[in-house]
C-alpha atoms as a PDB file:
ATOM      1  CA  UNK A   1       2.488   0.644 -14.660  1.00  0.00           C
ATOM      2  CA  UNK A   2       4.277  -2.247 -16.417  1.00  0.00           C
ATOM      3  CA  UNK A   3       6.310  -3.321 -13.429  1.00  0.00           C
ATOM      4  CA  UNK A   4       6.858  -2.256  -9.907  1.00  0.00           C
ATOM      5  CA  UNK A   5       9.587   0.109 -10.918  1.00  0.00           C
ATOM      6  CA  UNK A   6       9.294   0.460 -14.721  1.00  0.00           C
ATOM      7  CA  UNK A   7       9.776   3.745 -16.490  1.00  0.00           C
ATOM      8  CA  UNK A   8      11.633   5.485 -13.792  1.00  0.00           C
ATOM      9  CA  UNK A   9      15.073   6.598 -14.653  1.00  0.00           C
ATOM     10  CA  UNK A  10      17.542   6.373 -11.755  1.00  0.00           C
ATOM     11  CA  UNK A  11      19.222   9.830 -11.159  1.00  0.00           C
ATOM     12  CA  UNK A  12      22.237   9.187  -8.982  1.00  0.00           C
ATOM     13  CA  UNK A  13      22.967  12.872  -8.272  1.00  0.00           C
ATOM     14  CA  UNK A  14      23.691  13.921  -4.739  1.00  0.00           C
ATOM     15  CA  UNK A  15      22.172  17.160  -3.531  1.00  0.00           C
ATOM     16  CA  UNK A  16      23.801  19.372  -0.967  1.00  0.00           C
ATOM     17  CA  UNK A  17      22.955  19.455   2.684  1.00  0.00           C
ATOM     18  CA  UNK A  18      19.438  20.842   2.880  1.00  0.00           C
ATOM     19  CA  UNK A  19      15.959  20.333   4.238  1.00  0.00           C
ATOM     20  CA  UNK A  20      12.956  21.185   2.130  1.00  0.00           C
ATOM     21  CA  UNK A  21       9.161  21.080   2.759  1.00  0.00           C
ATOM     22  CA  UNK A  22       6.746  21.039  -0.075  1.00  0.00           C
ATOM     23  CA  UNK A  23       3.114  20.257  -1.071  1.00  0.00           C
ATOM     24  CA  UNK A  24       4.098  19.759  -4.742  1.00  0.00           C
ATOM     25  CA  UNK A  25       6.423  16.811  -5.795  1.00  0.00           C
ATOM     26  CA  UNK A  26       7.804  18.717  -8.824  1.00  0.00           C
ATOM     27  CA  UNK A  27       9.562  21.136  -6.474  1.00  0.00           C
ATOM     28  CA  UNK A  28      11.702  18.269  -4.867  1.00  0.00           C
ATOM     29  CA  UNK A  29      15.222  17.536  -6.074  1.00  0.00           C
ATOM     30  CA  UNK A  30      15.327  15.230  -9.088  1.00  0.00           C
ATOM     31  CA  UNK A  31      16.717  12.255  -7.212  1.00  0.00           C
ATOM     32  CA  UNK A  32      13.925  12.676  -4.469  1.00  0.00           C
ATOM     33  CA  UNK A  33      11.267  12.785  -7.155  1.00  0.00           C
ATOM     34  CA  UNK A  34      12.561   9.591  -8.662  1.00  0.00           C
ATOM     35  CA  UNK A  35      12.784   7.826  -5.271  1.00  0.00           C
ATOM     36  CA  UNK A  36       9.160   8.917  -4.503  1.00  0.00           C
ATOM     37  CA  UNK A  37       7.926   7.612  -7.967  1.00  0.00           C
ATOM     38  CA  UNK A  38       9.666   4.279  -7.351  1.00  0.00           C
ATOM     39  CA  UNK A  39       8.097   3.922  -3.985  1.00  0.00           C
ATOM     40  CA  UNK A  40       4.647   4.812  -5.348  1.00  0.00           C
ATOM     41  CA  UNK A  41       5.004   2.547  -8.358  1.00  0.00           C
ATOM     42  CA  UNK A  42       6.082  -0.369  -6.064  1.00  0.00           C
ATOM     43  CA  UNK A  43       3.002   0.220  -3.819  1.00  0.00           C
ATOM     44  CA  UNK A  44       0.703   0.351  -6.834  1.00  0.00           C
ATOM     45  CA  UNK A  45       1.977  -2.991  -8.291  1.00  0.00           C
ATOM     46  CA  UNK A  46       1.825  -4.651  -4.840  1.00  0.00           C
ATOM     47  CA  UNK A  47      -1.795  -3.481  -4.748  1.00  0.00           C
ATOM     48  CA  UNK A  48      -2.374  -5.415  -7.927  1.00  0.00           C
ATOM     49  CA  UNK A  49      -0.529  -8.373  -6.342  1.00  0.00           C
ATOM     50  CA  UNK A  50      -2.772  -8.070  -3.312  1.00  0.00           C
ATOM     51  CA  UNK A  51      -5.813  -8.234  -5.591  1.00  0.00           C
ATOM     52  CA  UNK A  52      -4.437 -11.438  -7.281  1.00  0.00           C
ATOM     53  CA  UNK A  53      -3.742 -12.929  -3.728  1.00  0.00           C
ATOM     54  CA  UNK A  54      -7.221 -12.098  -2.495  1.00  0.00           C
ATOM     55  CA  UNK A  55      -8.706 -13.549  -5.696  1.00  0.00           C
ATOM     56  CA  UNK A  56      -6.673 -16.883  -5.276  1.00  0.00           C
ATOM     57  CA  UNK A  57      -7.168 -17.007  -1.503  1.00  0.00           C
ATOM     58  CA  UNK A  58     -11.048 -16.607  -1.670  1.00  0.00           C
ATOM     59  CA  UNK A  59     -11.113 -19.206  -4.372  1.00  0.00           C
ATOM     60  CA  UNK A  60      -8.972 -21.846  -2.470  1.00  0.00           C
ATOM     61  CA  UNK A  61     -10.302 -21.080   1.039  1.00  0.00           C
ATOM     62  CA  UNK A  62     -13.064 -23.766   0.913  1.00  0.00           C
ATOM     63  CA  UNK A  63     -10.366 -26.465   0.736  1.00  0.00           C
ATOM     64  CA  UNK A  64      -9.219 -25.497   4.185  1.00  0.00           C
ATOM     65  CA  UNK A  65     -12.607 -26.382   5.705  1.00  0.00           C
ATOM     66  CA  UNK A  66     -13.352 -22.716   6.799  1.00  0.00           C
ATOM     67  CA  UNK A  67     -12.495 -19.365   5.514  1.00  0.00           C
ATOM     68  CA  UNK A  68     -13.887 -16.627   7.719  1.00  0.00           C
ATOM     69  CA  UNK A  69     -13.995 -13.503   5.549  1.00  0.00           C
ATOM     70  CA  UNK A  70     -12.213 -15.390   2.732  1.00  0.00           C
ATOM     71  CA  UNK A  71     -15.338 -17.076   1.428  1.00  0.00           C
ATOM     72  CA  UNK A  72     -17.885 -16.875   4.217  1.00  0.00           C
ATOM     73  CA  UNK A  73     -17.994 -20.491   5.220  1.00  0.00           C
ATOM     74  CA  UNK A  74     -18.652 -21.268   8.925  1.00  0.00           C
ATOM     75  CA  UNK A  75     -15.539 -21.992  10.977  1.00  0.00           C
ATOM     76  CA  UNK A  76     -15.193 -25.645  11.906  1.00  0.00           C
ATOM     77  CA  UNK A  77     -13.800 -26.865  15.229  1.00  0.00           C
ATOM     78  CA  UNK A  78     -10.050 -26.928  15.561  1.00  0.00           C
ATOM     79  CA  UNK A  79      -9.294 -23.222  15.098  1.00  0.00           C
ATOM     80  CA  UNK A  80      -5.827 -22.380  16.572  1.00  0.00           C
ATOM     81  CA  UNK A  81      -5.318 -19.587  19.150  1.00  0.00           C
ATOM     82  CA  UNK A  82      -3.741 -17.341  16.423  1.00  0.00           C
ATOM     83  CA  UNK A  83      -6.927 -17.554  14.361  1.00  0.00           C
ATOM     84  CA  UNK A  84      -5.693 -20.099  11.753  1.00  0.00           C
ATOM     85  CA  UNK A  85      -6.956 -23.672  11.162  1.00  0.00           C
ATOM     86  CA  UNK A  86      -4.976 -26.319  13.045  1.00  0.00           C
ATOM     87  CA  UNK A  87      -5.702 -28.800  10.242  1.00  0.00           C
ATOM     88  CA  UNK A  88      -7.091 -28.499   6.670  1.00  0.00           C
ATOM     89  CA  UNK A  89     -10.346 -30.152   5.624  1.00  0.00           C
ATOM     90  CA  UNK A  90      -8.925 -33.478   4.664  1.00  0.00           C
ATOM     91  CA  UNK A  91      -8.029 -36.628   6.531  1.00  0.00           C
ATOM     92  CA  UNK A  92      -5.411 -39.395   6.472  1.00  0.00           C
ATOM     93  CA  UNK A  93      -2.668 -39.530   3.954  1.00  0.00           C
ATOM     94  CA  UNK A  94      -4.936 -39.909   0.930  1.00  0.00           C
ATOM     95  CA  UNK A  95      -4.474 -37.113  -1.607  1.00  0.00           C
ATOM     96  CA  UNK A  96      -7.474 -34.722  -1.561  1.00  0.00           C
ATOM     97  CA  UNK A  97      -9.066 -33.137  -4.570  1.00  0.00           C
ATOM     98  CA  UNK A  98      -8.369 -29.450  -4.658  1.00  0.00           C
ATOM     99  CA  UNK A  99     -11.129 -27.140  -5.946  1.00  0.00           C
ATOM    100  CA  UNK A 100     -11.135 -23.449  -6.948  1.00  0.00           C
ATOM    101  CA  UNK A 101     -14.321 -21.560  -6.406  1.00  0.00           C
ATOM    102  CA  UNK A 102     -14.053 -18.576  -8.741  1.00  0.00           C
ATOM    103  CA  UNK A 103     -16.375 -15.545  -8.575  1.00  0.00           C
ATOM    104  CA  UNK A 104     -19.290 -15.271 -10.920  1.00  0.00           C
ATOM    105  CA  UNK A 105     -18.613 -14.760 -14.548  1.00  0.00           C
ATOM    106  CA  UNK A 106     -15.068 -16.245 -14.262  1.00  0.00           C
ATOM    107  CA  UNK A 107     -14.316 -19.270 -16.470  1.00  0.00           C
ATOM    108  CA  UNK A 108     -11.810 -21.796 -14.895  1.00  0.00           C
ATOM    109  CA  UNK A 109     -10.799 -25.133 -16.449  1.00  0.00           C
ATOM    110  CA  UNK A 110      -9.640 -27.788 -14.030  1.00  0.00           C
ATOM    111  CA  UNK A 111      -6.764 -29.527 -15.639  1.00  0.00           C
ATOM    112  CA  UNK A 112      -6.012 -31.983 -12.821  1.00  0.00           C
ATOM    113  CA  UNK A 113      -7.808 -32.973  -9.607  1.00  0.00           C
ATOM    114  CA  UNK A 114      -4.620 -32.280  -7.568  1.00  0.00           C
ATOM    115  CA  UNK A 115      -4.996 -28.596  -8.132  1.00  0.00           C
ATOM    116  CA  UNK A 116      -3.988 -27.448 -11.565  1.00  0.00           C
ATOM    117  CA  UNK A 117      -6.146 -24.777 -13.130  1.00  0.00           C
ATOM    118  CA  UNK A 118      -6.428 -22.583 -16.145  1.00  0.00           C
ATOM    119  CA  UNK A 119      -7.962 -19.070 -15.732  1.00  0.00           C
ATOM    120  CA  UNK A 120      -9.645 -17.680 -18.797  1.00  0.00           C
ATOM    121  CA  UNK A 121      -9.599 -13.903 -19.724  1.00  0.00           C
ATOM    122  CA  UNK A 122     -13.188 -13.308 -18.524  1.00  0.00           C
ATOM    123  CA  UNK A 123     -11.912 -13.574 -14.826  1.00  0.00           C
ATOM    124  CA  UNK A 124     -11.531 -10.052 -13.243  1.00  0.00           C
ATOM    125  CA  UNK A 125      -9.961  -8.685 -10.082  1.00  0.00           C
ATOM    126  CA  UNK A 126     -11.543  -6.108  -7.774  1.00  0.00           C
ATOM    127  CA  UNK A 127      -9.489  -3.467  -9.557  1.00  0.00           C
ATOM    128  CA  UNK A 128     -11.212  -4.281 -12.873  1.00  0.00           C
ATOM    129  CA  UNK A 129      -8.055  -5.820 -14.364  1.00  0.00           C
ATOM    130  CA  UNK A 130      -8.763  -9.149 -16.194  1.00  0.00           C
ATOM    131  CA  UNK A 131      -6.395 -12.015 -15.163  1.00  0.00           C
ATOM    132  CA  UNK A 132      -5.651 -15.157 -17.202  1.00  0.00           C
ATOM    133  CA  UNK A 133      -3.117 -17.973 -17.003  1.00  0.00           C
ATOM    134  CA  UNK A 134      -2.159 -21.025 -15.097  1.00  0.00           C
ATOM    135  CA  UNK A 135      -2.235 -22.019 -11.417  1.00  0.00           C
ATOM    136  CA  UNK A 136      -0.832 -25.110  -9.675  1.00  0.00           C
ATOM    137  CA  UNK A 137      -1.696 -25.648  -5.977  1.00  0.00           C
ATOM    138  CA  UNK A 138      -0.931 -28.070  -3.188  1.00  0.00           C
ATOM    139  CA  UNK A 139      -1.585 -28.426   0.510  1.00  0.00           C
ATOM    140  CA  UNK A 140       0.882 -27.642   3.218  1.00  0.00           C
ATOM    141  CA  UNK A 141       4.467 -27.493   1.996  1.00  0.00           C
ATOM    142  CA  UNK A 142       6.524 -24.855   3.705  1.00  0.00           C
ATOM    143  CA  UNK A 143       3.292 -23.356   5.099  1.00  0.00           C
ATOM    144  CA  UNK A 144       2.457 -26.348   7.270  1.00  0.00           C
ATOM    145  CA  UNK A 145      -1.191 -27.515   7.904  1.00  0.00           C
ATOM    146  CA  UNK A 146      -2.787 -24.103   7.807  1.00  0.00           C
ATOM    147  CA  UNK A 147      -1.633 -23.257   4.285  1.00  0.00           C
ATOM    148  CA  UNK A 148      -1.246 -24.031   0.612  1.00  0.00           C
ATOM    149  CA  UNK A 149       1.514 -23.562  -1.928  1.00  0.00           C
ATOM    150  CA  UNK A 150       0.541 -22.000  -5.290  1.00  0.00           C
ATOM    151  CA  UNK A 151       2.578 -21.662  -8.416  1.00  0.00           C
ATOM    152  CA  UNK A 152       1.293 -19.012 -10.764  1.00  0.00           C
ATOM    153  CA  UNK A 153       1.915 -17.802 -14.302  1.00  0.00           C
ATOM    154  CA  UNK A 154      -0.580 -15.086 -14.796  1.00  0.00           C
ATOM    155  CA  UNK A 155      -1.165 -12.063 -17.065  1.00  0.00           C
ATOM    156  CA  UNK A 156      -3.039  -9.083 -15.695  1.00  0.00           C
ATOM    157  CA  UNK A 157      -4.671  -7.026 -18.452  1.00  0.00           C
ATOM    158  CA  UNK A 158      -4.822  -3.246 -18.426  1.00  0.00           C
ATOM    159  CA  UNK A 159      -6.528  -1.368 -15.616  1.00  0.00           C
ATOM    160  CA  UNK A 160      -9.820   0.287 -16.724  1.00  0.00           C
ATOM    161  CA  UNK A 161      -9.001   3.288 -18.917  1.00  0.00           C
ATOM    162  CA  UNK A 162      -5.307   2.258 -19.072  1.00  0.00           C
ATOM    163  CA  UNK A 163      -3.093   0.455 -21.548  1.00  0.00           C
ATOM    164  CA  UNK A 164      -0.579  -1.317 -19.166  1.00  0.00           C
ATOM    165  CA  UNK A 165      -0.310  -4.944 -18.402  1.00  0.00           C
ATOM    166  CA  UNK A 166       1.550  -7.093 -15.920  1.00  0.00           C
ATOM    167  CA  UNK A 167       3.024 -10.559 -16.311  1.00  0.00           C
ATOM    168  CA  UNK A 168       3.348 -12.247 -12.830  1.00  0.00           C
ATOM    169  CA  UNK A 169       5.002 -15.659 -12.270  1.00  0.00           C
ATOM    170  CA  UNK A 170       6.446 -17.572  -9.369  1.00  0.00           C
ATOM    171  CA  UNK A 171       5.518 -19.261  -6.020  1.00  0.00           C
ATOM    172  CA  UNK A 172       3.073 -17.992  -3.344  1.00  0.00           C
ATOM    173  CA  UNK A 173       2.610 -19.667   0.102  1.00  0.00           C
ATOM    174  CA  UNK A 174      -0.834 -18.857   1.504  1.00  0.00           C
ATOM    175  CA  UNK A 175      -1.608 -19.017   5.235  1.00  0.00           C
ATOM    176  CA  UNK A 176      -5.236 -18.810   5.974  1.00  0.00           C
ATOM    177  CA  UNK A 177      -6.094 -16.958   9.220  1.00  0.00           C
ATOM    178  CA  UNK A 178      -9.434 -16.011  10.670  1.00  0.00           C
ATOM    179  CA  UNK A 179      -9.326 -12.432   9.440  1.00  0.00           C
ATOM    180  CA  UNK A 180      -6.208 -12.185   7.376  1.00  0.00           C
ATOM    181  CA  UNK A 181      -4.587 -13.964   4.457  1.00  0.00           C
ATOM    182  CA  UNK A 182      -0.769 -14.139   4.572  1.00  0.00           C
ATOM    183  CA  UNK A 183       1.230 -14.756   1.383  1.00  0.00           C
ATOM    184  CA  UNK A 184       4.913 -15.553   1.364  1.00  0.00           C
ATOM    185  CA  UNK A 185       5.885 -14.772  -2.240  1.00  0.00           C
ATOM    186  CA  UNK A 186       8.767 -15.300  -4.572  1.00  0.00           C
ATOM    187  CA  UNK A 187       7.654 -13.530  -7.724  1.00  0.00           C
ATOM    188  CA  UNK A 188       8.909 -11.969 -10.937  1.00  0.00           C
ATOM    189  CA  UNK A 189       7.053  -9.219 -12.799  1.00  0.00           C
ATOM    190  CA  UNK A 190       8.130  -8.667 -16.394  1.00  0.00           C
ATOM    191  CA  UNK A 191       7.055  -6.471 -19.330  1.00  0.00           C
ATOM    192  CA  UNK A 192       8.275  -4.719 -22.435  1.00  0.00           C
ATOM    193  CA  UNK A 193       8.563  -0.954 -21.923  1.00  0.00           C
ATOM    194  CA  UNK A 194       9.798   1.539 -24.552  1.00  0.00           C
ATOM    195  CA  UNK A 195      11.633  -1.257 -26.401  1.00  0.00           C
ATOM    196  CA  UNK A 196      13.299  -2.460 -23.309  1.00  0.00           C
ATOM    197  CA  UNK A 197      12.825  -5.669 -21.335  1.00  0.00           C
ATOM    198  CA  UNK A 198      11.987  -4.890 -17.710  1.00  0.00           C
ATOM    199  CA  UNK A 199      12.111  -7.512 -14.988  1.00  0.00           C
ATOM    200  CA  UNK A 200      11.570  -7.133 -11.202  1.00  0.00           C
ATOM    201  CA  UNK A 201      12.396  -9.950  -8.839  1.00  0.00           C
ATOM    202  CA  UNK A 202      10.623  -9.709  -5.563  1.00  0.00           C
ATOM    203  CA  UNK A 203      10.619 -11.619  -2.214  1.00  0.00           C
ATOM    204  CA  UNK A 204       7.890 -10.488   0.142  1.00  0.00           C
ATOM    205  CA  UNK A 205       5.527 -11.252   2.897  1.00  0.00           C
ATOM    206  CA  UNK A 206       2.229  -9.704   1.778  1.00  0.00           C
ATOM    207  CA  UNK A 207      -0.909  -9.589   4.066  1.00  0.00           C
ATOM    208  CA  UNK A 208      -4.573  -8.940   3.108  1.00  0.00           C
ATOM    209  CA  UNK A 209      -6.696  -7.944   6.102  1.00  0.00           C
ATOM    210  CA  UNK A 210     -10.311  -7.690   4.786  1.00  0.00           C
ATOM    211  CA  UNK A 211     -11.974  -6.286   8.021  1.00  0.00           C
ATOM    212  CA  UNK A 212      -9.512  -3.414   8.039  1.00  0.00           C
ATOM    213  CA  UNK A 213      -9.594  -2.990   4.250  1.00  0.00           C
ATOM    214  CA  UNK A 214      -5.790  -3.005   4.287  1.00  0.00           C
ATOM    215  CA  UNK A 215      -2.964  -4.795   2.507  1.00  0.00           C
ATOM    216  CA  UNK A 216       0.599  -4.679   3.826  1.00  0.00           C
ATOM    217  CA  UNK A 217       3.974  -5.906   2.722  1.00  0.00           C
ATOM    218  CA  UNK A 218       7.538  -6.214   3.866  1.00  0.00           C
ATOM    219  CA  UNK A 219      10.454  -7.464   1.586  1.00  0.00           C
ATOM    220  CA  UNK A 220      12.623  -6.355  -1.332  1.00  0.00           C
ATOM    221  CA  UNK A 221      12.730  -6.339  -5.132  1.00  0.00           C
ATOM    222  CA  UNK A 222      15.577  -5.672  -7.555  1.00  0.00           C
ATOM    223  CA  UNK A 223      14.884  -3.848 -10.843  1.00  0.00           C
ATOM    224  CA  UNK A 224      16.713  -4.892 -14.102  1.00  0.00           C
ATOM    225  CA  UNK A 225      16.381  -3.379 -17.556  1.00  0.00           C
ATOM    226  CA  UNK A 226      17.753  -5.416 -20.488  1.00  0.00           C
ATOM    227  CA  UNK A 227      19.377  -7.829 -17.998  1.00  0.00           C
ATOM    228  CA  UNK A 228      21.180  -5.210 -15.919  1.00  0.00           C
ATOM    229  CA  UNK A 229      20.157  -4.544 -12.393  1.00  0.00           C
ATOM    230  CA  UNK A 230      19.766  -0.793 -11.774  1.00  0.00           C
ATOM    231  CA  UNK A 231      18.669  -0.719  -8.199  1.00  0.00           C
ATOM    232  CA  UNK A 232      17.136  -2.569  -5.379  1.00  0.00           C
ATOM    233  CA  UNK A 233      14.104  -1.390  -3.401  1.00  0.00           C
ATOM    234  CA  UNK A 234      13.394  -2.691   0.049  1.00  0.00           C
ATOM    235  CA  UNK A 235      10.071  -2.258   1.740  1.00  0.00           C
ATOM    236  CA  UNK A 236       9.555  -2.237   5.542  1.00  0.00           C
ATOM    237  CA  UNK A 237       6.056  -2.638   6.943  1.00  0.00           C
ATOM    238  CA  UNK A 238       4.259  -0.774   4.166  1.00  0.00           C
ATOM    239  CA  UNK A 239       0.547  -0.499   4.838  1.00  0.00           C
ATOM    240  CA  UNK A 240      -2.041   0.697   2.377  1.00  0.00           C
ATOM    241  CA  UNK A 241      -5.794   1.061   2.341  1.00  0.00           C
ATOM    242  CA  UNK A 242      -7.330  -0.917  -0.497  1.00  0.00           C
ATOM    243  CA  UNK A 243      -9.395   2.274  -1.393  1.00  0.00           C
ATOM    244  CA  UNK A 244      -6.239   4.560  -1.495  1.00  0.00           C
ATOM    245  CA  UNK A 245      -3.575   4.847  -4.170  1.00  0.00           C
ATOM    246  CA  UNK A 246      -0.640   5.440  -1.848  1.00  0.00           C
ATOM    247  CA  UNK A 247       0.546   3.970   1.513  1.00  0.00           C
ATOM    248  CA  UNK A 248      -0.395   5.625   4.800  1.00  0.00           C
ATOM    249  CA  UNK A 249       2.612   3.966   6.703  1.00  0.00           C
ATOM    250  CA  UNK A 250       5.838   2.277   5.845  1.00  0.00           C
ATOM    251  CA  UNK A 251       9.295   2.762   4.443  1.00  0.00           C
ATOM    252  CA  UNK A 252      11.173   2.193   1.214  1.00  0.00           C
ATOM    253  CA  UNK A 253      14.938   1.938   0.978  1.00  0.00           C
ATOM    254  CA  UNK A 254      16.132   2.477  -2.558  1.00  0.00           C
ATOM    255  CA  UNK A 255      19.766   1.607  -3.335  1.00  0.00           C
ATOM    256  CA  UNK A 256      21.644   2.307  -6.552  1.00  0.00           C
ATOM    257  CA  UNK A 257      25.377   2.119  -7.375  1.00  0.00           C
ATOM    258  CA  UNK A 258      26.286   5.340  -5.611  1.00  0.00           C
ATOM    259  CA  UNK A 259      23.189   6.445  -3.846  1.00  0.00           C
ATOM    260  CA  UNK A 260      20.738   5.301  -1.135  1.00  0.00           C
ATOM    261  CA  UNK A 261      17.485   6.986  -0.408  1.00  0.00           C
ATOM    262  CA  UNK A 262      14.833   6.375   2.062  1.00  0.00           C
ATOM    263  CA  UNK A 263      11.140   7.227   1.507  1.00  0.00           C
ATOM    264  CA  UNK A 264       8.898   7.067   4.599  1.00  0.00           C
ATOM    265  CA  UNK A 265       5.203   7.338   4.514  1.00  0.00           C
ATOM    266  CA  UNK A 266       3.248   8.374   7.706  1.00  0.00           C
ATOM    267  CA  UNK A 267       0.091  10.019   8.907  1.00  0.00           C
ATOM    268  CA  UNK A 268       1.036  12.255  11.886  1.00  0.00           C
ATOM    269  CA  UNK A 269      -2.547  13.263  12.443  1.00  0.00           C
ATOM    270  CA  UNK A 270      -5.920  12.278  10.895  1.00  0.00           C
ATOM    271  CA  UNK A 271      -5.842  15.196   8.503  1.00  0.00           C
ATOM    272  CA  UNK A 272      -2.217  14.939   7.239  1.00  0.00           C
ATOM    273  CA  UNK A 273      -0.253  12.632   5.066  1.00  0.00           C
ATOM    274  CA  UNK A 274       3.562  13.055   5.269  1.00  0.00           C
ATOM    275  CA  UNK A 275       6.269  11.635   3.032  1.00  0.00           C
ATOM    276  CA  UNK A 276       9.954  12.048   4.213  1.00  0.00           C
ATOM    277  CA  UNK A 277      12.698  11.578   1.686  1.00  0.00           C
ATOM    278  CA  UNK A 278      16.254  11.274   2.916  1.00  0.00           C
ATOM    279  CA  UNK A 279      19.452  11.030   0.814  1.00  0.00           C
ATOM    280  CA  UNK A 280      22.513  11.134   3.089  1.00  0.00           C
ATOM    281  CA  UNK A 281      22.414  14.565   4.605  1.00  0.00           C
ATOM    282  CA  UNK A 282      19.690  15.957   2.329  1.00  0.00           C
ATOM    283  CA  UNK A 283      16.017  15.753   3.324  1.00  0.00           C
ATOM    284  CA  UNK A 284      12.699  16.669   1.766  1.00  0.00           C
ATOM    285  CA  UNK A 285       9.135  16.611   3.292  1.00  0.00           C
ATOM    286  CA  UNK A 286       5.975  16.351   1.142  1.00  0.00           C
ATOM    287  CA  UNK A 287       2.699  17.121   2.908  1.00  0.00           C
ATOM    288  CA  UNK A 288      -0.785  16.616   1.756  1.00  0.00           C
ATOM    289  CA  UNK A 289      -4.267  16.417   3.147  1.00  0.00           C
ATOM    290  CA  UNK A 290      -6.048  13.142   3.863  1.00  0.00           C
ATOM    291  CA  UNK A 291      -9.594  12.330   2.916  1.00  0.00           C
ATOM    292  CA  UNK A 292      -9.107  12.297  -0.852  1.00  0.00           C
ATOM    293  CA  UNK A 293     -11.295   9.235  -0.893  1.00  0.00           C
ATOM    294  CA  UNK A 294     -14.447   9.683   1.151  1.00  0.00           C
ATOM    295  CA  UNK A 295     -14.920   6.895   3.869  1.00  0.00           C
ATOM    296  CA  UNK A 296     -11.298   5.673   3.413  1.00  0.00           C
ATOM    297  CA  UNK A 297      -9.849   5.951   6.846  1.00  0.00           C
ATOM    298  CA  UNK A 298      -6.610   4.273   8.085  1.00  0.00           C
ATOM    299  CA  UNK A 299      -6.891   2.172  11.254  1.00  0.00           C
ATOM    300  CA  UNK A 300      -5.539   3.723  14.449  1.00  0.00           C
ATOM    301  CA  UNK A 301      -3.097   2.497  15.470  1.00  0.00           C
ATOM    302  CA  UNK A 302      -1.755   0.839  12.364  1.00  0.00           C
ATOM    303  CA  UNK A 303      -1.952  -2.993  12.186  1.00  0.00           C
ATOM    304  CA  UNK A 304       0.532  -5.104  14.015  1.00  0.00           C
ATOM    305  CA  UNK A 305       1.915  -7.760  11.718  1.00  0.00           C
ATOM    306  CA  UNK A 306       4.515 -10.469  12.303  1.00  0.00           C
ATOM    307  CA  UNK A 307       6.170 -10.521   8.806  1.00  0.00           C
ATOM    308  CA  UNK A 308       8.871 -12.881   9.981  1.00  0.00           C
ATOM    309  CA  UNK A 309       6.360 -15.698  10.557  1.00  0.00           C
ATOM    310  CA  UNK A 310       4.124 -14.459   7.745  1.00  0.00           C
ATOM    311  CA  UNK A 311       1.206 -16.450   9.116  1.00  0.00           C
ATOM    312  CA  UNK A 312       2.655 -20.053   8.914  1.00  0.00           C
ATOM    313  CA  UNK A 313       4.797 -19.308   5.780  1.00  0.00           C
ATOM    314  CA  UNK A 314       8.240 -18.139   6.515  1.00  0.00           C
ATOM    315  CA  UNK A 315       9.225 -15.660   3.671  1.00  0.00           C
ATOM    316  CA  UNK A 316      12.060 -16.532   1.275  1.00  0.00           C
ATOM    317  CA  UNK A 317      15.351 -14.748   1.536  1.00  0.00           C
ATOM    318  CA  UNK A 318      15.609 -11.358  -0.264  1.00  0.00           C
ATOM    319  CA  UNK A 319      16.637 -11.300  -3.883  1.00  0.00           C
ATOM    320  CA  UNK A 320      20.296 -11.387  -4.803  1.00  0.00           C
ATOM    321  CA  UNK A 321      21.761  -9.449  -7.597  1.00  0.00           C
ATOM    322  CA  UNK A 322      25.090  -8.590  -9.286  1.00  0.00           C
ATOM    323  CA  UNK A 323      26.970  -5.654  -8.123  1.00  0.00           C
ATOM    324  CA  UNK A 324      25.189  -2.425  -9.074  1.00  0.00           C
ATOM    325  CA  UNK A 325      26.995  -0.247 -11.546  1.00  0.00           C
ATOM    326  CA  UNK A 326      26.289   2.482 -14.103  1.00  0.00           C
END
């Protein structure tokens, strides 16, 4: 996909009062199909962003003096009760050199010792997408002593077997915890799609939990085509396994000029995945079996995450947009 919500036409029709249960999305009302596609596309692009954040976090973690699963270095003394470092690996007020430890076969040029880097197109994410562009980093900032601020302007190449790409730019606040990496992000995704300029503006708290093999996010994004905002999608505690293409828990609220739809993902039992789609007094249920990916099992209960704190990086306010219209 070219952006979190690209290629999805908003259908503002209202269906009559009804309740439908299905195992096939094409049997759903058109507006419910579109809402489901928006939610899935948003989750898919957040998966790409989670890959970028994990890549950056693992590369920068050695600067914090200990990284747990994000780099494998031994934890030093001074670990806070929440699992984060109480101070980074630097002393006094002297500016410290910031290093980036990329994975093998990834070429990085250090442009300045204070944390400016250029990633070359031989760098690859876990998804197989190649990533290239510029990063500028700094200690602390809004994230306090257990974090770093990162400005990015990156291009993600096509996924293996695909032809899509994603341009990602903005600010990320990283909070390094013992088993998790928190990212408070203010990002834009942009692309050209079918001759149209597509831009999504997102404000999120995104969390990567490596032991649980889960990424999660909470926030909102507006979707504009050719400079016009078509709808806004809010995400509430969306949790997804790194080995699955769709969330196992969480909710999306998709608001257009005259419609508001809610898409809720849940797993009522270990064998069932359930998606509820609500539009005013109309509701649809989509059921499917779990276990599509062997060994990919959601944690029970789901992860407990404080998105308001976002580690030590308070998330930015949600995106603002002009009034939605046709």
